[in-house]
Amino acid sequence: MNGKLGSLQQRRERLLAKAALQRIALARDITPWRGPLALADQGLNALRYVKRHPVLAIGGMGLLTVFRATRSLRWLQRGYVVWRFVHGMRDRLAGVGKQRT
């Protein structure tokens, strides 16, 4: 019986060591996906919010119809430019602290 318990203990230790190595490899492999997955998660949260509050989506569409199409397009273009600027600056500032290899 002791031989069998010793064998099981050795197998358990090998499996724990293997699992630890796999966790390290998984963490390394997932790192590049953190940004895109976070963005997808934010998009899903926005969709859930709109689903829970459909009046806001309807109100937003109503406001767009109240404004003339050219005014709406102009504001959408400005908003897109601001959005791109903010995200570009955020990416640049995030890259400042990283060391390059």
C-alpha atoms as a PDB file:
ATOM      1  CA  MET A   1       0.000   0.000   0.000  1.00  0.00           C
ATOM      2  CA  ASN A   2       2.851   2.429   0.821  1.00  0.00           C
ATOM      3  CA  GLY A   3       4.376   1.852  -2.605  1.00  0.00           C
ATOM      4  CA  LYS A   4       1.106   2.767  -4.255  1.00  0.00           C
ATOM      5  CA  LEU A   5       0.724   5.913  -2.100  1.00  0.00           C
ATOM      6  CA  GLY A   6       4.297   6.937  -2.892  1.00  0.00           C
ATOM      7  CA  SER A   7       3.648   6.427  -6.591  1.00  0.00           C
ATOM      8  CA  LEU A   8       0.477   8.491  -6.382  1.00  0.00           C
ATOM      9  CA  GLN A   9       2.319  11.246  -4.487  1.00  0.00           C
ATOM     10  CA  GLN A  10       5.039  11.385  -7.154  1.00  0.00           C
ATOM     11  CA  ARG A  11       2.450  11.482  -9.929  1.00  0.00           C
ATOM     12  CA  ARG A  12       0.575  14.258  -8.104  1.00  0.00           C
ATOM     13  CA  GLU A  13       3.778  16.321  -7.792  1.00  0.00           C
ATOM     14  CA  ARG A  14       4.557  15.857 -11.500  1.00  0.00           C
ATOM     15  CA  LEU A  15       1.015  16.881 -12.446  1.00  0.00           C
ATOM     16  CA  LEU A  16       1.147  19.958 -10.195  1.00  0.00           C
ATOM     17  CA  ALA A  17       4.460  21.014 -11.746  1.00  0.00           C
ATOM     18  CA  LYS A  18       3.054  20.466 -15.241  1.00  0.00           C
ATOM     19  CA  ALA A  19      -0.072  22.500 -14.394  1.00  0.00           C
ATOM     20  CA  ALA A  20       2.089  25.349 -13.073  1.00  0.00           C
ATOM     21  CA  LEU A  21       4.079  25.422 -16.335  1.00  0.00           C
ATOM     22  CA  GLN A  22       0.851  25.382 -18.339  1.00  0.00           C
ATOM     23  CA  ARG A  23      -0.535  28.319 -16.325  1.00  0.00           C
ATOM     24  CA  ILE A  24       2.627  30.320 -17.049  1.00  0.00           C
ATOM     25  CA  ALA A  25       2.446  29.492 -20.774  1.00  0.00           C
ATOM     26  CA  LEU A  26      -1.250  30.376 -20.918  1.00  0.00           C
ATOM     27  CA  ALA A  27      -0.659  33.722 -19.206  1.00  0.00           C
ATOM     28  CA  ARG A  28       2.143  34.488 -21.697  1.00  0.00           C
ATOM     29  CA  ASP A  29       0.026  33.479 -24.708  1.00  0.00           C
ATOM     30  CA  ILE A  30      -3.053  35.438 -23.595  1.00  0.00           C
ATOM     31  CA  THR A  31      -1.196  38.714 -22.999  1.00  0.00           C
ATOM     32  CA  PRO A  32      -1.539  40.017 -26.613  1.00  0.00           C
ATOM     33  CA  TRP A  33      -5.287  39.300 -26.505  1.00  0.00           C
ATOM     34  CA  ARG A  34      -6.003  41.333 -23.367  1.00  0.00           C
ATOM     35  CA  GLY A  35      -6.610  44.588 -25.273  1.00  0.00           C
ATOM     36  CA  PRO A  36      -8.902  43.198 -27.981  1.00  0.00           C
ATOM     37  CA  LEU A  37     -10.819  41.102 -25.462  1.00  0.00           C
ATOM     38  CA  ALA A  38     -11.274  44.111 -23.176  1.00  0.00           C
ATOM     39  CA  LEU A  39     -12.597  46.129 -26.134  1.00  0.00           C
ATOM     40  CA  ALA A  40     -15.010  43.332 -27.069  1.00  0.00           C
ATOM     41  CA  ASP A  41     -16.119  43.149 -23.442  1.00  0.00           C
ATOM     42  CA  GLN A  42     -16.824  46.897 -23.420  1.00  0.00           C
ATOM     43  CA  GLY A  43     -18.842  46.524 -26.610  1.00  0.00           C
ATOM     44  CA  LEU A  44     -20.892  43.723 -25.088  1.00  0.00           C
ATOM     45  CA  ASN A  45     -21.476  45.802 -21.959  1.00  0.00           C
ATOM     46  CA  ALA A  46     -22.703  48.688 -24.128  1.00  0.00           C
ATOM     47  CA  LEU A  47     -25.077  46.369 -25.984  1.00  0.00           C
ATOM     48  CA  ARG A  48     -26.408  44.996 -22.694  1.00  0.00           C
ATOM     49  CA  TYR A  49     -26.937  48.538 -21.426  1.00  0.00           C
ATOM     50  CA  VAL A  50     -28.873  49.511 -24.541  1.00  0.00           C
ATOM     51  CA  LYS A  51     -30.900  46.308 -24.247  1.00  0.00           C
ATOM     52  CA  ARG A  52     -31.808  47.166 -20.642  1.00  0.00           C
ATOM     53  CA  HIS A  53     -32.574  50.812 -21.516  1.00  0.00           C
ATOM     54  CA  PRO A  54     -34.094  50.843 -25.019  1.00  0.00           C
ATOM     55  CA  VAL A  55     -35.660  54.271 -24.410  1.00  0.00           C
ATOM     56  CA  LEU A  56     -32.183  55.829 -24.512  1.00  0.00           C
ATOM     57  CA  ALA A  57     -31.423  54.270 -27.894  1.00  0.00           C
ATOM     58  CA  ILE A  58     -34.789  55.399 -29.258  1.00  0.00           C
ATOM     59  CA  GLY A  59     -34.217  58.885 -27.834  1.00  0.00           C
ATOM     60  CA  GLY A  60     -30.777  59.069 -29.432  1.00  0.00           C
ATOM     61  CA  MET A  61     -32.198  58.098 -32.796  1.00  0.00           C
ATOM     62  CA  GLY A  62     -34.967  60.647 -32.324  1.00  0.00           C
ATOM     63  CA  LEU A  63     -32.400  63.388 -31.660  1.00  0.00           C
ATOM     64  CA  LEU A  64     -30.565  62.448 -34.823  1.00  0.00           C
ATOM     65  CA  THR A  65     -33.757  62.793 -36.835  1.00  0.00           C
ATOM     66  CA  VAL A  66     -34.514  66.177 -35.238  1.00  0.00           C
ATOM     67  CA  PHE A  67     -31.172  67.561 -36.347  1.00  0.00           C
ATOM     68  CA  ARG A  68     -30.635  67.962 -40.002  1.00  0.00           C
ATOM     69  CA  ALA A  69     -28.565  65.226 -41.640  1.00  0.00           C
ATOM     70  CA  THR A  70     -25.648  67.540 -42.441  1.00  0.00           C
ATOM     71  CA  ARG A  71     -25.421  68.790 -38.855  1.00  0.00           C
ATOM     72  CA  SER A  72     -25.546  65.225 -37.562  1.00  0.00           C
ATOM     73  CA  LEU A  73     -22.838  64.109 -39.962  1.00  0.00           C
ATOM     74  CA  ARG A  74     -20.643  67.043 -38.986  1.00  0.00           C
ATOM     75  CA  TRP A  75     -20.965  66.188 -35.279  1.00  0.00           C
ATOM     76  CA  LEU A  76     -20.364  62.507 -35.937  1.00  0.00           C
ATOM     77  CA  GLN A  77     -17.192  63.361 -37.884  1.00  0.00           C
ATOM     78  CA  ARG A  78     -15.961  65.616 -35.076  1.00  0.00           C
ATOM     79  CA  GLY A  79     -16.733  62.951 -32.503  1.00  0.00           C
ATOM     80  CA  TYR A  80     -14.842  60.349 -34.521  1.00  0.00           C
ATOM     81  CA  VAL A  81     -11.807  62.622 -34.841  1.00  0.00           C
ATOM     82  CA  VAL A  82     -11.806  63.283 -31.092  1.00  0.00           C
ATOM     83  CA  TRP A  83     -12.256  59.586 -30.358  1.00  0.00           C
ATOM     84  CA  ARG A  84      -9.315  58.635 -32.604  1.00  0.00           C
ATOM     85  CA  PHE A  85      -7.134  61.330 -31.019  1.00  0.00           C
ATOM     86  CA  VAL A  86      -7.919  60.206 -27.472  1.00  0.00           C
ATOM     87  CA  HIS A  87      -7.301  56.542 -28.248  1.00  0.00           C
ATOM     88  CA  GLY A  88      -4.097  57.351 -30.126  1.00  0.00           C
ATOM     89  CA  MET A  89      -2.781  59.358 -27.194  1.00  0.00           C
ATOM     90  CA  ARG A  90      -3.779  56.628 -24.753  1.00  0.00           C
ATOM     91  CA  ASP A  91      -1.922  54.024 -26.816  1.00  0.00           C
ATOM     92  CA  ARG A  92       1.158  56.236 -27.040  1.00  0.00           C
ATOM     93  CA  LEU A  93       1.151  56.911 -23.316  1.00  0.00           C
ATOM     94  CA  ALA A  94       0.688  53.216 -22.567  1.00  0.00           C
ATOM     95  CA  GLY A  95       3.656  52.409 -24.802  1.00  0.00           C
ATOM     96  CA  VAL A  96       5.959  54.883 -23.037  1.00  0.00           C
ATOM     97  CA  GLY A  97       6.333  52.718 -19.942  1.00  0.00           C
ATOM     98  CA  LYS A  98       7.000  49.490 -21.838  1.00  0.00           C
ATOM     99  CA  GLN A  99      10.550  48.340 -22.433  1.00  0.00           C
ATOM    100  CA  ARG A 100      11.359  47.182 -25.918  1.00  0.00           C
ATOM    101  CA  THR A 101      13.260  43.965 -26.422  1.00  0.00           C
END
